[in-house]
Amino acid sequence: MNLMPTLTTERLILRPFTLDDAPEVQRLAGTREIADTTINIPHPYPEGAAEKWINTRRDEYQKNGSVAWAVTLKDSSQLMGCISLGVDGKNGRAELGYWIAREYWGQGYCTEAAKKVLTYGFRQAKLNRIFASYLSRNPASGKVMSNIGMKKEGQMRQHIKKWDKYEDIIHYGILAAEYQS
C-alpha cells in the first residue's frame, strides 16, 4: 500500500490528514472568510463533514494519486490549512486547490506550500500540467498562482453561483516544460 507523501519546506510540513485533525479542520474551514473565498467549501460547515472528508483521502490517493495535505507549521505542528492536487492521470494533469486559515493570510505560507506541491506534481507525480482557478474577487489567490509561475489562461464570466450570486472564475495553469525552464 502506497503511503501519501509528506513534503517539507523552510517553514512548513505538508502531511497527510488524520482523524485527529477533524476538529481543527471543522473550526478553520468553517469560518465564513474561508468559505467566502473558496469555490467548494460550504458555510456553515456541516458537523461530521471534516471526518467524512478526511476518511476519503487515502482511497482517493490509492485510486488516482489525488492528494490533500494538511499545511502545518514546522516549529509547532499547528494546522493552518490545506493544499491539494486533484489528479487526472489519464490526461497527465491535476487541479491545485488550497485554503489557509485567516490568521495566517499575508505571510507567504500558501505560496511556499504551492511551490513545493508544484515540484511534487511535476517531479514525483510526473504530471504534464497543473491548473487552478479562483473567484475573481479574491485576487490574493491569483497572486499565489502568479508567484509560483502559473500563467493566466482566461476568465469564465458568471461561471458558478456562490451564495445566490453568480461569480466569475479566473483560470491559471503551468506546464511541466514551463516549470523546468
Protein backbone atom coordinates (compact mmCIF):
# COMPACT_ATOMS: atom_id res chain seq x y z
CA MET A 1 0.00 0.00 0.00
CA ASN A 2 1.44 3.36 -1.04
CA LEU A 3 1.58 5.94 1.72
CA MET A 4 0.69 9.51 0.93
CA PRO A 5 3.84 11.64 0.79
CA THR A 6 4.92 14.21 3.36
CA LEU A 7 6.60 17.34 1.99
CA THR A 8 8.78 19.81 3.87
CA THR A 9 9.61 23.46 3.16
CA GLU A 10 11.59 26.02 5.10
CA ARG A 11 8.68 26.82 7.46
CA LEU A 12 6.08 24.14 6.75
CA ILE A 13 5.34 20.45 6.83
CA LEU A 14 2.71 19.26 4.35
CA ARG A 15 1.47 15.92 5.67
CA PRO A 16 -1.49 13.59 5.23
CA PHE A 17 -4.56 14.45 7.28
CA THR A 18 -5.52 12.25 10.22
CA LEU A 19 -8.85 12.00 12.01
CA ASP A 20 -7.24 13.89 14.89
CA ASP A 21 -7.23 16.93 12.57
CA ALA A 22 -11.01 16.89 12.12
CA PRO A 23 -11.94 19.33 14.91
CA GLU A 24 -9.38 21.87 13.71
CA VAL A 25 -10.41 21.42 10.05
CA GLN A 26 -14.01 21.98 11.18
CA ARG A 27 -13.03 25.14 13.07
CA LEU A 28 -10.73 26.64 10.42
CA ALA A 29 -12.60 25.70 7.23
CA GLY A 30 -15.85 26.54 8.99
CA THR A 31 -15.13 30.25 9.15
CA ARG A 32 -17.13 32.45 6.84
CA GLU A 33 -13.92 34.01 5.42
CA ILE A 34 -12.66 30.63 4.19
CA ALA A 35 -15.99 29.59 2.69
CA ASP A 36 -16.39 33.04 1.10
CA THR A 37 -13.08 32.83 -0.76
CA THR A 38 -13.29 29.22 -1.94
CA ILE A 39 -15.42 27.57 -4.56
CA ASN A 40 -16.31 24.32 -2.78
CA ILE A 41 -16.27 24.88 0.99
CA PRO A 42 -19.77 25.32 2.45
CA HIS A 43 -20.84 27.67 5.24
CA PRO A 44 -21.92 26.74 7.76
CA TYR A 45 -19.56 23.77 7.63
CA PRO A 46 -21.66 20.68 8.42
CA GLU A 47 -20.95 18.69 11.58
CA GLY A 48 -19.09 15.50 10.72
CA ALA A 49 -18.05 16.77 7.28
CA ALA A 50 -14.37 17.03 8.24
CA GLU A 51 -14.23 13.40 9.39
CA LYS A 52 -16.04 12.22 6.29
CA TRP A 53 -13.71 14.18 4.01
CA ILE A 54 -10.55 13.02 5.81
CA ASN A 55 -11.73 9.40 5.55
CA THR A 56 -11.86 9.69 1.73
CA ARG A 57 -8.30 10.97 1.29
CA ARG A 58 -6.44 7.62 1.39
CA ASP A 59 -8.84 6.00 -1.08
CA GLU A 60 -8.52 8.94 -3.48
CA TYR A 61 -4.74 8.71 -3.32
CA GLN A 62 -4.80 4.95 -3.91
CA LYS A 63 -7.34 5.26 -6.74
CA ASN A 64 -5.88 8.12 -8.79
CA GLY A 65 -2.98 9.78 -6.99
CA SER A 66 -5.03 12.74 -5.77
CA VAL A 67 -3.61 14.04 -2.53
CA ALA A 68 -4.62 16.61 0.07
CA TRP A 69 -2.02 17.75 2.56
CA ALA A 70 -2.53 19.32 5.95
CA VAL A 71 -0.46 22.51 5.90
CA THR A 72 1.26 22.72 9.28
CA LEU A 73 3.88 24.97 10.83
CA LYS A 74 7.21 23.18 11.09
CA ASP A 75 8.08 24.60 14.50
CA SER A 76 4.75 23.96 16.25
CA SER A 77 2.88 21.38 14.09
CA GLN A 78 -0.09 23.79 14.15
CA LEU A 79 -2.61 23.00 11.38
CA MET A 80 -3.16 26.12 9.31
CA GLY A 81 -4.82 24.94 6.11
CA CYS A 82 -4.98 22.50 3.24
CA ILE A 83 -3.37 22.20 -0.17
CA SER A 84 -4.30 19.55 -2.71
CA LEU A 85 -3.76 18.11 -6.15
CA GLY A 86 -6.79 16.52 -7.78
CA VAL A 87 -5.11 14.23 -10.29
CA ASP A 88 -6.44 13.22 -13.72
CA GLY A 89 -3.79 10.63 -14.57
CA LYS A 90 -5.26 9.77 -17.96
CA ASN A 91 -4.61 13.32 -19.12
CA GLY A 92 -1.45 13.92 -17.09
CA ARG A 93 -2.89 16.89 -15.25
CA ALA A 94 -4.02 17.96 -11.81
CA GLU A 95 -6.00 20.78 -10.26
CA LEU A 96 -4.28 22.65 -7.46
CA GLY A 97 -6.53 23.76 -4.62
CA TYR A 98 -5.80 25.39 -1.28
CA TRP A 99 -7.08 27.33 1.69
CA ILE A 100 -5.16 28.90 4.56
CA ALA A 101 -6.74 29.97 7.86
CA ARG A 102 -7.47 33.70 8.13
CA GLU A 103 -4.90 34.32 10.88
CA TYR A 104 -2.11 33.12 8.54
CA TRP A 105 -3.02 35.21 5.48
CA GLY A 106 -0.43 37.58 4.00
CA GLN A 107 2.64 35.74 5.33
CA GLY A 108 3.60 33.80 2.20
CA TYR A 109 2.66 30.39 3.58
CA CYS A 110 0.35 29.49 0.71
CA THR A 111 2.95 30.43 -1.92
CA GLU A 112 5.59 28.41 -0.05
CA ALA A 113 3.34 25.35 0.12
CA ALA A 114 2.20 25.71 -3.50
CA LYS A 115 5.78 25.87 -4.81
CA LYS A 116 6.54 22.59 -3.05
CA VAL A 117 3.37 20.97 -4.40
CA LEU A 118 4.29 22.01 -7.96
CA THR A 119 7.68 20.34 -7.52
CA TYR A 120 5.95 17.19 -6.28
CA GLY A 121 3.43 17.28 -9.13
CA PHE A 122 5.98 17.62 -11.89
CA ARG A 123 8.91 15.64 -10.47
CA GLN A 124 7.32 12.83 -8.43
CA ALA A 125 3.84 12.51 -9.95
CA LYS A 126 5.21 13.19 -13.47
CA LEU A 127 2.31 15.45 -14.44
CA ASN A 128 2.30 17.45 -17.66
CA ARG A 129 0.01 20.26 -16.47
CA ILE A 130 -1.19 21.75 -13.20
CA PHE A 131 -4.03 24.25 -13.20
CA ALA A 132 -6.04 26.22 -10.66
CA SER A 133 -8.89 28.70 -10.52
CA TYR A 134 -10.16 31.35 -8.15
CA LEU A 135 -13.09 33.68 -7.62
CA SER A 136 -12.29 36.96 -9.39
CA ARG A 137 -12.98 38.89 -6.20
CA ASN A 138 -10.16 37.01 -4.43
CA PRO A 139 -7.05 38.44 -6.11
CA ALA A 140 -4.79 37.18 -3.28
CA SER A 141 -5.37 33.65 -4.57
CA GLY A 142 -4.43 34.74 -8.07
CA LYS A 143 -1.26 36.31 -6.68
CA VAL A 144 -0.25 32.92 -5.24
CA MET A 145 -0.77 31.34 -8.68
CA SER A 146 1.27 34.05 -10.38
CA ASN A 147 4.03 33.85 -7.73
CA ILE A 148 4.55 30.14 -8.38
CA GLY A 149 4.92 30.65 -12.14
CA MET A 150 1.42 29.86 -13.34
CA LYS A 151 0.09 31.87 -16.27
CA LYS A 152 -3.37 33.38 -16.52
CA GLU A 153 -5.30 31.37 -19.11
CA GLY A 154 -8.68 33.04 -19.02
CA GLN A 155 -11.82 34.10 -17.24
CA MET A 156 -15.21 32.45 -17.21
CA ARG A 157 -17.88 35.05 -16.55
CA GLN A 158 -20.62 34.18 -14.04
CA HIS A 159 -19.41 30.57 -14.13
CA ILE A 160 -20.57 29.49 -10.68
CA LYS A 161 -23.27 30.52 -8.26
CA LYS A 162 -21.99 31.16 -4.75
CA TRP A 163 -24.47 32.17 -2.09
CA ASP A 164 -27.12 33.19 -4.65
CA LYS A 165 -24.71 35.37 -6.63
CA TYR A 166 -23.07 34.50 -9.94
CA GLU A 167 -19.27 34.66 -9.76
CA ASP A 168 -16.54 35.00 -12.36
CA ILE A 169 -13.73 32.42 -12.22
CA ILE A 170 -10.14 33.14 -13.27
CA HIS A 171 -8.07 30.21 -14.57
CA TYR A 172 -4.31 29.74 -14.31
CA GLY A 173 -2.05 26.93 -15.46
CA ILE A 174 1.52 25.78 -15.84
CA LEU A 175 3.08 23.06 -17.99
CA ALA A 176 5.92 20.78 -16.96
CA ALA A 177 8.14 22.28 -19.69
CA GLU A 178 7.49 25.79 -18.35
CA TYR A 179 8.17 24.70 -14.78
CA GLN A 180 11.51 23.17 -15.69
CA SER A 181 12.77 26.13 -17.67
